[in-house]
Amino acid sequence: FSSAYRDEVDARLSDRGVVLRAWYFAWGTLALFASV
């Protein structure tokens, strides 16, 4: 819901590896579905 936070997270994860970014977004998706 927050574009500013999204930009901040994307900037923080830009220098990280692909696996770490995929894990971060997979965990976030799982947490969203679990909260619903």
PDB file of all heavy atoms in Angstrom:
ATOM      1  N   PHE A   1       0.780  -1.234   0.000  1.00  0.00           N
ATOM      2  CA  PHE A   1       0.000   0.000   0.000  1.00  0.00           C
ATOM      3  C   PHE A   1       0.819   1.295   0.000  1.00  0.00           C
ATOM      4  O   PHE A   1       0.257   2.357  -0.216  1.00  0.00           O
ATOM      5  CB  PHE A   1      -0.954   0.022   1.192  1.00  0.00           C
ATOM      6  CG  PHE A   1      -2.069  -0.971   1.053  1.00  0.00           C
ATOM      7  CD1 PHE A   1      -2.188  -2.028   1.931  1.00  0.00           C
ATOM      8  CD2 PHE A   1      -2.989  -0.855   0.037  1.00  0.00           C
ATOM      9  CE1 PHE A   1      -3.215  -2.945   1.805  1.00  0.00           C
ATOM     10  CE2 PHE A   1      -4.011  -1.763  -0.110  1.00  0.00           C
ATOM     11  CZ  PHE A   1      -4.126  -2.814   0.775  1.00  0.00           C
ATOM     12  N   SER A   2       2.119   1.245   0.261  1.00  0.00           N
ATOM     13  CA  SER A   2       2.915   2.467   0.346  1.00  0.00           C
ATOM     14  C   SER A   2       3.989   2.486  -0.736  1.00  0.00           C
ATOM     15  O   SER A   2       4.932   1.685  -0.703  1.00  0.00           O
ATOM     16  CB  SER A   2       3.574   2.571   1.722  1.00  0.00           C
ATOM     17  OG  SER A   2       4.469   3.652   1.754  1.00  0.00           O
ATOM     18  N   SER A   3       3.862   3.416  -1.668  1.00  0.00           N
ATOM     19  CA  SER A   3       4.859   3.489  -2.738  1.00  0.00           C
ATOM     20  C   SER A   3       6.210   3.959  -2.199  1.00  0.00           C
ATOM     21  O   SER A   3       7.255   3.525  -2.687  1.00  0.00           O
ATOM     22  CB  SER A   3       4.365   4.408  -3.843  1.00  0.00           C
ATOM     23  OG  SER A   3       4.155   5.709  -3.336  1.00  0.00           O
ATOM     24  N   ALA A   4       6.217   4.826  -1.204  1.00  0.00           N
ATOM     25  CA  ALA A   4       7.482   5.286  -0.629  1.00  0.00           C
ATOM     26  C   ALA A   4       8.221   4.126   0.044  1.00  0.00           C
ATOM     27  O   ALA A   4       9.436   3.967  -0.125  1.00  0.00           O
ATOM     28  CB  ALA A   4       7.231   6.411   0.372  1.00  0.00           C
ATOM     29  N   TYR A   5       7.498   3.308   0.804  1.00  0.00           N
ATOM     30  CA  TYR A   5       8.122   2.158   1.453  1.00  0.00           C
ATOM     31  C   TYR A   5       8.570   1.145   0.405  1.00  0.00           C
ATOM     32  O   TYR A   5       9.627   0.521   0.545  1.00  0.00           O
ATOM     33  CB  TYR A   5       7.155   1.515   2.442  1.00  0.00           C
ATOM     34  CG  TYR A   5       7.744   0.364   3.212  1.00  0.00           C
ATOM     35  CD1 TYR A   5       8.687   0.586   4.200  1.00  0.00           C
ATOM     36  CD2 TYR A   5       7.381  -0.951   2.942  1.00  0.00           C
ATOM     37  CE1 TYR A   5       9.252  -0.475   4.902  1.00  0.00           C
ATOM     38  CE2 TYR A   5       7.932  -2.008   3.633  1.00  0.00           C
ATOM     39  CZ  TYR A   5       8.857  -1.764   4.612  1.00  0.00           C
ATOM     40  OH  TYR A   5       9.414  -2.808   5.300  1.00  0.00           O
ATOM     41  N   ARG A   6       7.785   0.977  -0.645  1.00  0.00           N
ATOM     42  CA  ARG A   6       8.145   0.068  -1.726  1.00  0.00           C
ATOM     43  C   ARG A   6       9.455   0.514  -2.385  1.00  0.00           C
ATOM     44  O   ARG A   6      10.334  -0.307  -2.649  1.00  0.00           O
ATOM     45  CB  ARG A   6       7.018   0.018  -2.755  1.00  0.00           C
ATOM     46  CG  ARG A   6       7.143  -1.086  -3.756  1.00  0.00           C
ATOM     47  CD  ARG A   6       5.951  -1.171  -4.696  1.00  0.00           C
ATOM     48  NE  ARG A   6       4.681  -1.015  -4.015  1.00  0.00           N
ATOM     49  CZ  ARG A   6       3.779  -0.059  -4.278  1.00  0.00           C
ATOM     50  NH1 ARG A   6       4.016   0.821  -5.220  1.00  0.00           N
ATOM     51  NH2 ARG A   6       2.651   0.005  -3.610  1.00  0.00           N
ATOM     52  N   ASP A   7       9.589   1.815  -2.626  1.00  0.00           N
ATOM     53  CA  ASP A   7      10.836   2.334  -3.211  1.00  0.00           C
ATOM     54  C   ASP A   7      12.020   2.106  -2.264  1.00  0.00           C
ATOM     55  O   ASP A   7      13.112   1.749  -2.703  1.00  0.00           O
ATOM     56  CB  ASP A   7      10.700   3.820  -3.527  1.00  0.00           C
ATOM     57  CG  ASP A   7       9.697   4.085  -4.638  1.00  0.00           C
ATOM     58  OD1 ASP A   7       9.407   3.143  -5.418  1.00  0.00           O
ATOM     59  OD2 ASP A   7       9.189   5.225  -4.707  1.00  0.00           O
ATOM     60  N   GLU A   8      11.782   2.309  -0.986  1.00  0.00           N
ATOM     61  CA  GLU A   8      12.847   2.103   0.011  1.00  0.00           C
ATOM     62  C   GLU A   8      13.302   0.645   0.046  1.00  0.00           C
ATOM     63  O   GLU A   8      14.504   0.357   0.057  1.00  0.00           O
ATOM     64  CB  GLU A   8      12.320   2.531   1.387  1.00  0.00           C
ATOM     65  CG  GLU A   8      13.269   2.309   2.530  1.00  0.00           C
ATOM     66  CD  GLU A   8      12.609   2.633   3.869  1.00  0.00           C
ATOM     67  OE1 GLU A   8      11.772   3.556   3.919  1.00  0.00           O
ATOM     68  OE2 GLU A   8      12.951   1.943   4.841  1.00  0.00           O
ATOM     69  N   VAL A   9      12.333  -0.281   0.050  1.00  0.00           N
ATOM     70  CA  VAL A   9      12.679  -1.700   0.085  1.00  0.00           C
ATOM     71  C   VAL A   9      13.369  -2.119  -1.214  1.00  0.00           C
ATOM     72  O   VAL A   9      14.355  -2.862  -1.190  1.00  0.00           O
ATOM     73  CB  VAL A   9      11.414  -2.558   0.339  1.00  0.00           C
ATOM     74  CG1 VAL A   9      11.695  -4.038   0.119  1.00  0.00           C
ATOM     75  CG2 VAL A   9      10.902  -2.318   1.744  1.00  0.00           C
ATOM     76  N   ASP A  10      12.866  -1.640  -2.344  1.00  0.00           N
ATOM     77  CA  ASP A  10      13.492  -1.984  -3.619  1.00  0.00           C
ATOM     78  C   ASP A  10      14.928  -1.478  -3.685  1.00  0.00           C
ATOM     79  O   ASP A  10      15.813  -2.167  -4.190  1.00  0.00           O
ATOM     80  CB  ASP A  10      12.673  -1.426  -4.787  1.00  0.00           C
ATOM     81  CG  ASP A  10      11.347  -2.154  -4.955  1.00  0.00           C
ATOM     82  OD1 ASP A  10      11.206  -3.266  -4.409  1.00  0.00           O
ATOM     83  OD2 ASP A  10      10.452  -1.604  -5.624  1.00  0.00           O
ATOM     84  N   ALA A  11      15.177  -0.266  -3.163  1.00  0.00           N
ATOM     85  CA  ALA A  11      16.539   0.275  -3.145  1.00  0.00           C
ATOM     86  C   ALA A  11      17.433  -0.539  -2.217  1.00  0.00           C
ATOM     87  O   ALA A  11      18.601  -0.798  -2.534  1.00  0.00           O
ATOM     88  CB  ALA A  11      16.510   1.735  -2.703  1.00  0.00           C
ATOM     89  N   ARG A  12      16.884  -0.963  -1.088  1.00  0.00           N
ATOM     90  CA  ARG A  12      17.670  -1.742  -0.130  1.00  0.00           C
ATOM     91  C   ARG A  12      18.001  -3.130  -0.682  1.00  0.00           C
ATOM     92  O   ARG A  12      19.068  -3.676  -0.420  1.00  0.00           O
ATOM     93  CB  ARG A  12      16.891  -1.868   1.176  1.00  0.00           C
ATOM     94  CG  ARG A  12      17.696  -2.417   2.316  1.00  0.00           C
ATOM     95  CD  ARG A  12      16.938  -2.376   3.615  1.00  0.00           C
ATOM     96  NE  ARG A  12      15.654  -3.038   3.472  1.00  0.00           N
ATOM     97  CZ  ARG A  12      14.551  -2.691   4.135  1.00  0.00           C
ATOM     98  NH1 ARG A  12      14.580  -1.691   4.975  1.00  0.00           N
ATOM     99  NH2 ARG A  12      13.422  -3.341   3.962  1.00  0.00           N
ATOM    100  N   LEU A  13      17.076  -3.701  -1.468  1.00  0.00           N
ATOM    101  CA  LEU A  13      17.294  -5.040  -2.006  1.00  0.00           C
ATOM    102  C   LEU A  13      17.970  -5.044  -3.377  1.00  0.00           C
ATOM    103  O   LEU A  13      18.255  -6.113  -3.920  1.00  0.00           O
ATOM    104  CB  LEU A  13      15.958  -5.781  -2.117  1.00  0.00           C
ATOM    105  CG  LEU A  13      15.265  -6.152  -0.813  1.00  0.00           C
ATOM    106  CD1 LEU A  13      13.930  -6.792  -1.074  1.00  0.00           C
ATOM    107  CD2 LEU A  13      16.138  -7.077   0.014  1.00  0.00           C
ATOM    108  N   SER A  14      18.229  -3.868  -3.940  1.00  0.00           N
ATOM    109  CA  SER A  14      18.784  -3.819  -5.297  1.00  0.00           C
ATOM    110  C   SER A  14      20.188  -4.417  -5.378  1.00  0.00           C
ATOM    111  O   SER A  14      20.548  -5.008  -6.395  1.00  0.00           O
ATOM    112  CB  SER A  14      18.799  -2.378  -5.807  1.00  0.00           C
ATOM    113  OG  SER A  14      19.681  -1.598  -5.036  1.00  0.00           O
ATOM    114  N   ASP A  15      20.976  -4.285  -4.327  1.00  0.00           N
ATOM    115  CA  ASP A  15      22.339  -4.829  -4.360  1.00  0.00           C
ATOM    116  C   ASP A  15      22.414  -6.247  -3.792  1.00  0.00           C
ATOM    117  O   ASP A  15      23.492  -6.800  -3.654  1.00  0.00           O
ATOM    118  CB  ASP A  15      23.297  -3.906  -3.608  1.00  0.00           C
ATOM    119  CG  ASP A  15      22.902  -3.723  -2.149  1.00  0.00           C
ATOM    120  OD1 ASP A  15      21.719  -3.935  -1.832  1.00  0.00           O
ATOM    121  OD2 ASP A  15      23.781  -3.367  -1.344  1.00  0.00           O
ATOM    122  N   ARG A  16      21.290  -6.815  -3.435  1.00  0.00           N
ATOM    123  CA  ARG A  16      21.245  -8.187  -2.893  1.00  0.00           C
ATOM    124  C   ARG A  16      21.109  -9.193  -4.031  1.00  0.00           C
ATOM    125  O   ARG A  16      20.756  -8.854  -5.148  1.00  0.00           O
ATOM    126  CB  ARG A  16      20.071  -8.361  -1.920  1.00  0.00           C
ATOM    127  CG  ARG A  16      20.059  -7.398  -0.771  1.00  0.00           C
ATOM    128  CD  ARG A  16      21.254  -7.648   0.128  1.00  0.00           C
ATOM    129  NE  ARG A  16      21.291  -6.639   1.183  1.00  0.00           N
ATOM    130  CZ  ARG A  16      21.538  -6.905   2.432  1.00  0.00           C
ATOM    131  NH1 ARG A  16      21.787  -8.122   2.809  1.00  0.00           N
ATOM    132  NH2 ARG A  16      21.579  -5.935   3.318  1.00  0.00           N
ATOM    133  N   GLY A  17      21.314 -10.436  -3.715  1.00  0.00           N
ATOM    134  CA  GLY A  17      21.217 -11.497  -4.702  1.00  0.00           C
ATOM    135  C   GLY A  17      19.780 -11.802  -5.088  1.00  0.00           C
ATOM    136  O   GLY A  17      18.821 -11.430  -4.403  1.00  0.00           O
ATOM    137  N   VAL A  18      19.652 -12.514  -6.189  1.00  0.00           N
ATOM    138  CA  VAL A  18      18.325 -12.867  -6.707  1.00  0.00           C
ATOM    139  C   VAL A  18      17.604 -13.802  -5.747  1.00  0.00           C
ATOM    140  O   VAL A  18      16.392 -13.677  -5.533  1.00  0.00           O
ATOM    141  CB  VAL A  18      18.469 -13.519  -8.107  1.00  0.00           C
ATOM    142  CG1 VAL A  18      17.122 -13.976  -8.622  1.00  0.00           C
ATOM    143  CG2 VAL A  18      19.119 -12.559  -9.071  1.00  0.00           C
ATOM    144  N   VAL A  19      18.324 -14.724  -5.155  1.00  0.00           N
ATOM    145  CA  VAL A  19      17.710 -15.691  -4.241  1.00  0.00           C
ATOM    146  C   VAL A  19      17.155 -14.976  -3.006  1.00  0.00           C
ATOM    147  O   VAL A  19      16.043 -15.267  -2.553  1.00  0.00           O
ATOM    148  CB  VAL A  19      18.722 -16.783  -3.840  1.00  0.00           C
ATOM    149  CG1 VAL A  19      18.134 -17.717  -2.803  1.00  0.00           C
ATOM    150  CG2 VAL A  19      19.179 -17.553  -5.068  1.00  0.00           C
ATOM    151  N   LEU A  20      17.918 -14.034  -2.464  1.00  0.00           N
ATOM    152  CA  LEU A  20      17.452 -13.299  -1.293  1.00  0.00           C
ATOM    153  C   LEU A  20      16.207 -12.474  -1.618  1.00  0.00           C
ATOM    154  O   LEU A  20      15.253 -12.443  -0.840  1.00  0.00           O
ATOM    155  CB  LEU A  20      18.554 -12.401  -0.748  1.00  0.00           C
ATOM    156  CG  LEU A  20      18.195 -11.620   0.521  1.00  0.00           C
ATOM    157  CD1 LEU A  20      17.942 -12.589   1.671  1.00  0.00           C
ATOM    158  CD2 LEU A  20      19.278 -10.651   0.880  1.00  0.00           C
ATOM    159  N   ARG A  21      16.207 -11.825  -2.774  1.00  0.00           N
ATOM    160  CA  ARG A  21      15.023 -11.051  -3.167  1.00  0.00           C
ATOM    161  C   ARG A  21      13.824 -11.962  -3.373  1.00  0.00           C
ATOM    162  O   ARG A  21      12.718 -11.639  -2.959  1.00  0.00           O
ATOM    163  CB  ARG A  21      15.298 -10.253  -4.437  1.00  0.00           C
ATOM    164  CG  ARG A  21      16.093  -9.000  -4.163  1.00  0.00           C
ATOM    165  CD  ARG A  21      16.214  -8.182  -5.398  1.00  0.00           C
ATOM    166  NE  ARG A  21      17.123  -8.910  -6.322  1.00  0.00           N
ATOM    167  CZ  ARG A  21      17.519  -8.468  -7.468  1.00  0.00           C
ATOM    168  NH1 ARG A  21      17.098  -7.317  -7.909  1.00  0.00           N
ATOM    169  NH2 ARG A  21      18.358  -9.164  -8.213  1.00  0.00           N
ATOM    170  N   ALA A  22      14.043 -13.106  -4.015  1.00  0.00           N
ATOM    171  CA  ALA A  22      12.944 -14.054  -4.231  1.00  0.00           C
ATOM    172  C   ALA A  22      12.419 -14.563  -2.896  1.00  0.00           C
ATOM    173  O   ALA A  22      11.196 -14.681  -2.708  1.00  0.00           O
ATOM    174  CB  ALA A  22      13.423 -15.223  -5.095  1.00  0.00           C
ATOM    175  N   TRP A  23      13.323 -14.851  -1.948  1.00  0.00           N
ATOM    176  CA  TRP A  23      12.900 -15.312  -0.629  1.00  0.00           C
ATOM    177  C   TRP A  23      12.101 -14.221   0.091  1.00  0.00           C
ATOM    178  O   TRP A  23      11.078 -14.498   0.711  1.00  0.00           O
ATOM    179  CB  TRP A  23      14.113 -15.717   0.202  1.00  0.00           C
ATOM    180  CG  TRP A  23      13.759 -16.033   1.620  1.00  0.00           C
ATOM    181  CD1 TRP A  23      13.998 -15.276   2.710  1.00  0.00           C
ATOM    182  CD2 TRP A  23      13.056 -17.185   2.081  1.00  0.00           C
ATOM    183  NE1 TRP A  23      13.508 -15.875   3.832  1.00  0.00           N
ATOM    184  CE2 TRP A  23      12.911 -17.061   3.479  1.00  0.00           C
ATOM    185  CE3 TRP A  23      12.539 -18.314   1.463  1.00  0.00           C
ATOM    186  CZ2 TRP A  23      12.278 -18.017   4.251  1.00  0.00           C
ATOM    187  CZ3 TRP A  23      11.904 -19.271   2.247  1.00  0.00           C
ATOM    188  CH2 TRP A  23      11.782 -19.119   3.606  1.00  0.00           C
ATOM    189  N   TYR A  24      12.566 -12.984   0.002  1.00  0.00           N
ATOM    190  CA  TYR A  24      11.883 -11.869   0.655  1.00  0.00           C
ATOM    191  C   TYR A  24      10.452 -11.730   0.120  1.00  0.00           C
ATOM    192  O   TYR A  24       9.501 -11.592   0.888  1.00  0.00           O
ATOM    193  CB  TYR A  24      12.683 -10.580   0.411  1.00  0.00           C
ATOM    194  CG  TYR A  24      12.123  -9.366   1.113  1.00  0.00           C
ATOM    195  CD1 TYR A  24      12.451  -9.097   2.431  1.00  0.00           C
ATOM    196  CD2 TYR A  24      11.262  -8.496   0.454  1.00  0.00           C
ATOM    197  CE1 TYR A  24      11.942  -7.986   3.080  1.00  0.00           C
ATOM    198  CE2 TYR A  24      10.743  -7.386   1.099  1.00  0.00           C
ATOM    199  CZ  TYR A  24      11.083  -7.138   2.401  1.00  0.00           C
ATOM    200  OH  TYR A  24      10.573  -6.049   3.042  1.00  0.00           O
ATOM    201  N   PHE A  25      10.303 -11.783  -1.190  1.00  0.00           N
ATOM    202  CA  PHE A  25       8.971 -11.608  -1.773  1.00  0.00           C
ATOM    203  C   PHE A  25       8.099 -12.852  -1.589  1.00  0.00           C
ATOM    204  O   PHE A  25       6.882 -12.741  -1.431  1.00  0.00           O
ATOM    205  CB  PHE A  25       9.078 -11.215  -3.243  1.00  0.00           C
ATOM    206  CG  PHE A  25       9.639  -9.832  -3.422  1.00  0.00           C
ATOM    207  CD1 PHE A  25      10.838  -9.633  -4.079  1.00  0.00           C
ATOM    208  CD2 PHE A  25       8.983  -8.730  -2.891  1.00  0.00           C
ATOM    209  CE1 PHE A  25      11.373  -8.364  -4.222  1.00  0.00           C
ATOM    210  CE2 PHE A  25       9.512  -7.451  -3.018  1.00  0.00           C
ATOM    211  CZ  PHE A  25      10.705  -7.269  -3.692  1.00  0.00           C
ATOM    212  N   ALA A  26       8.703 -14.042  -1.569  1.00  0.00           N
ATOM    213  CA  ALA A  26       7.923 -15.258  -1.306  1.00  0.00           C
ATOM    214  C   ALA A  26       7.392 -15.244   0.128  1.00  0.00           C
ATOM    215  O   ALA A  26       6.222 -15.576   0.376  1.00  0.00           O
ATOM    216  CB  ALA A  26       8.785 -16.497  -1.551  1.00  0.00           C
ATOM    217  N   TRP A  27       8.255 -14.857   1.075  1.00  0.00           N
ATOM    218  CA  TRP A  27       7.820 -14.763   2.464  1.00  0.00           C
ATOM    219  C   TRP A  27       6.723 -13.714   2.621  1.00  0.00           C
ATOM    220  O   TRP A  27       5.738 -13.926   3.329  1.00  0.00           O
ATOM    221  CB  TRP A  27       8.988 -14.439   3.380  1.00  0.00           C
ATOM    222  CG  TRP A  27       8.543 -14.072   4.760  1.00  0.00           C
ATOM    223  CD1 TRP A  27       8.595 -12.846   5.328  1.00  0.00           C
ATOM    224  CD2 TRP A  27       7.921 -14.930   5.714  1.00  0.00           C
ATOM    225  NE1 TRP A  27       8.058 -12.885   6.586  1.00  0.00           N
ATOM    226  CE2 TRP A  27       7.628 -14.157   6.849  1.00  0.00           C
ATOM    227  CE3 TRP A  27       7.575 -16.277   5.710  1.00  0.00           C
ATOM    228  CZ2 TRP A  27       7.011 -14.692   7.962  1.00  0.00           C
ATOM    229  CZ3 TRP A  27       6.973 -16.804   6.831  1.00  0.00           C
ATOM    230  CH2 TRP A  27       6.695 -16.011   7.947  1.00  0.00           C
ATOM    231  N   GLY A  28       6.867 -12.581   1.954  1.00  0.00           N
ATOM    232  CA  GLY A  28       5.846 -11.541   2.028  1.00  0.00           C
ATOM    233  C   GLY A  28       4.518 -12.006   1.468  1.00  0.00           C
ATOM    234  O   GLY A  28       3.457 -11.744   2.041  1.00  0.00           O
ATOM    235  N   THR A  29       4.567 -12.720   0.351  1.00  0.00           N
ATOM    236  CA  THR A  29       3.331 -13.241  -0.248  1.00  0.00           C
ATOM    237  C   THR A  29       2.668 -14.250   0.679  1.00  0.00           C
ATOM    238  O   THR A  29       1.450 -14.221   0.878  1.00  0.00           O
ATOM    239  CB  THR A  29       3.639 -13.889  -1.606  1.00  0.00           C
ATOM    240  OG1 THR A  29       4.284 -12.931  -2.442  1.00  0.00           O
ATOM    241  CG2 THR A  29       2.385 -14.388  -2.281  1.00  0.00           C
ATOM    242  N   LEU A  30       3.466 -15.125   1.255  1.00  0.00           N
ATOM    243  CA  LEU A  30       2.929 -16.111   2.201  1.00  0.00           C
ATOM    244  C   LEU A  30       2.308 -15.422   3.413  1.00  0.00           C
ATOM    245  O   LEU A  30       1.216 -15.801   3.870  1.00  0.00           O
ATOM    246  CB  LEU A  30       4.037 -17.072   2.642  1.00  0.00           C
ATOM    247  CG  LEU A  30       3.630 -18.143   3.644  1.00  0.00           C
ATOM    248  CD1 LEU A  30       2.673 -19.120   2.992  1.00  0.00           C
ATOM    249  CD2 LEU A  30       4.861 -18.852   4.168  1.00  0.00           C
ATOM    250  N   ALA A  31       2.972 -14.404   3.922  1.00  0.00           N
ATOM    251  CA  ALA A  31       2.442 -13.675   5.083  1.00  0.00           C
ATOM    252  C   ALA A  31       1.142 -12.958   4.734  1.00  0.00           C
ATOM    253  O   ALA A  31       0.209 -12.922   5.550  1.00  0.00           O
ATOM    254  CB  ALA A  31       3.475 -12.675   5.593  1.00  0.00           C
ATOM    255  N   LEU A  32       1.048 -12.400   3.537  1.00  0.00           N
ATOM    256  CA  LEU A  32      -0.191 -11.735   3.124  1.00  0.00           C
ATOM    257  C   LEU A  32      -1.349 -12.722   3.057  1.00  0.00           C
ATOM    258  O   LEU A  32      -2.438 -12.456   3.582  1.00  0.00           O
ATOM    259  CB  LEU A  32      -0.010 -11.051   1.766  1.00  0.00           C
ATOM    260  CG  LEU A  32       0.840  -9.805   1.736  1.00  0.00           C
ATOM    261  CD1 LEU A  32       0.992  -9.311   0.313  1.00  0.00           C
ATOM    262  CD2 LEU A  32       0.242  -8.727   2.599  1.00  0.00           C
ATOM    263  N   PHE A  33      -1.126 -13.857   2.410  1.00  0.00           N
ATOM    264  CA  PHE A  33      -2.185 -14.852   2.307  1.00  0.00           C
ATOM    265  C   PHE A  33      -2.562 -15.411   3.679  1.00  0.00           C
ATOM    266  O   PHE A  33      -3.750 -15.623   3.973  1.00  0.00           O
ATOM    267  CB  PHE A  33      -1.790 -15.988   1.368  1.00  0.00           C
ATOM    268  CG  PHE A  33      -1.860 -15.614  -0.084  1.00  0.00           C
ATOM    269  CD1 PHE A  33      -0.774 -15.818  -0.911  1.00  0.00           C
ATOM    270  CD2 PHE A  33      -3.006 -15.057  -0.620  1.00  0.00           C
ATOM    271  CE1 PHE A  33      -0.829 -15.476  -2.239  1.00  0.00           C
ATOM    272  CE2 PHE A  33      -3.080 -14.713  -1.953  1.00  0.00           C
ATOM    273  CZ  PHE A  33      -1.987 -14.919  -2.773  1.00  0.00           C
ATOM    274  N   ALA A  34      -1.583 -15.634   4.531  1.00  0.00           N
ATOM    275  CA  ALA A  34      -1.869 -16.150   5.871  1.00  0.00           C
ATOM    276  C   ALA A  34      -2.672 -15.141   6.686  1.00  0.00           C
ATOM    277  O   ALA A  34      -3.588 -15.519   7.429  1.00  0.00           O
ATOM    278  CB  ALA A  34      -0.567 -16.492   6.589  1.00  0.00           C
ATOM    279  N   SER A  35      -2.368 -13.852   6.540  1.00  0.00           N
ATOM    280  CA  SER A  35      -3.134 -12.853   7.295  1.00  0.00           C
ATOM    281  C   SER A  35      -4.573 -12.780   6.799  1.00  0.00           C
ATOM    282  O   SER A  35      -5.492 -12.605   7.594  1.00  0.00           O
ATOM    283  CB  SER A  35      -2.460 -11.482   7.205  1.00  0.00           C
ATOM    284  OG  SER A  35      -2.529 -10.969   5.890  1.00  0.00           O
ATOM    285  N   VAL A  36      -4.766 -12.935   5.494  1.00  0.00           N
ATOM    286  CA  VAL A  36      -6.137 -12.957   4.968  1.00  0.00           C
ATOM    287  C   VAL A  36      -6.889 -14.174   5.504  1.00  0.00           C
ATOM    288  O   VAL A  36      -8.059 -14.082   5.888  1.00  0.00           O
ATOM    289  CB  VAL A  36      -6.123 -12.934   3.423  1.00  0.00           C
ATOM    290  CG1 VAL A  36      -7.503 -13.210   2.859  1.00  0.00           C
ATOM    291  CG2 VAL A  36      -5.596 -11.605   2.917  1.00  0.00           C
TER     292      VAL A  36
END
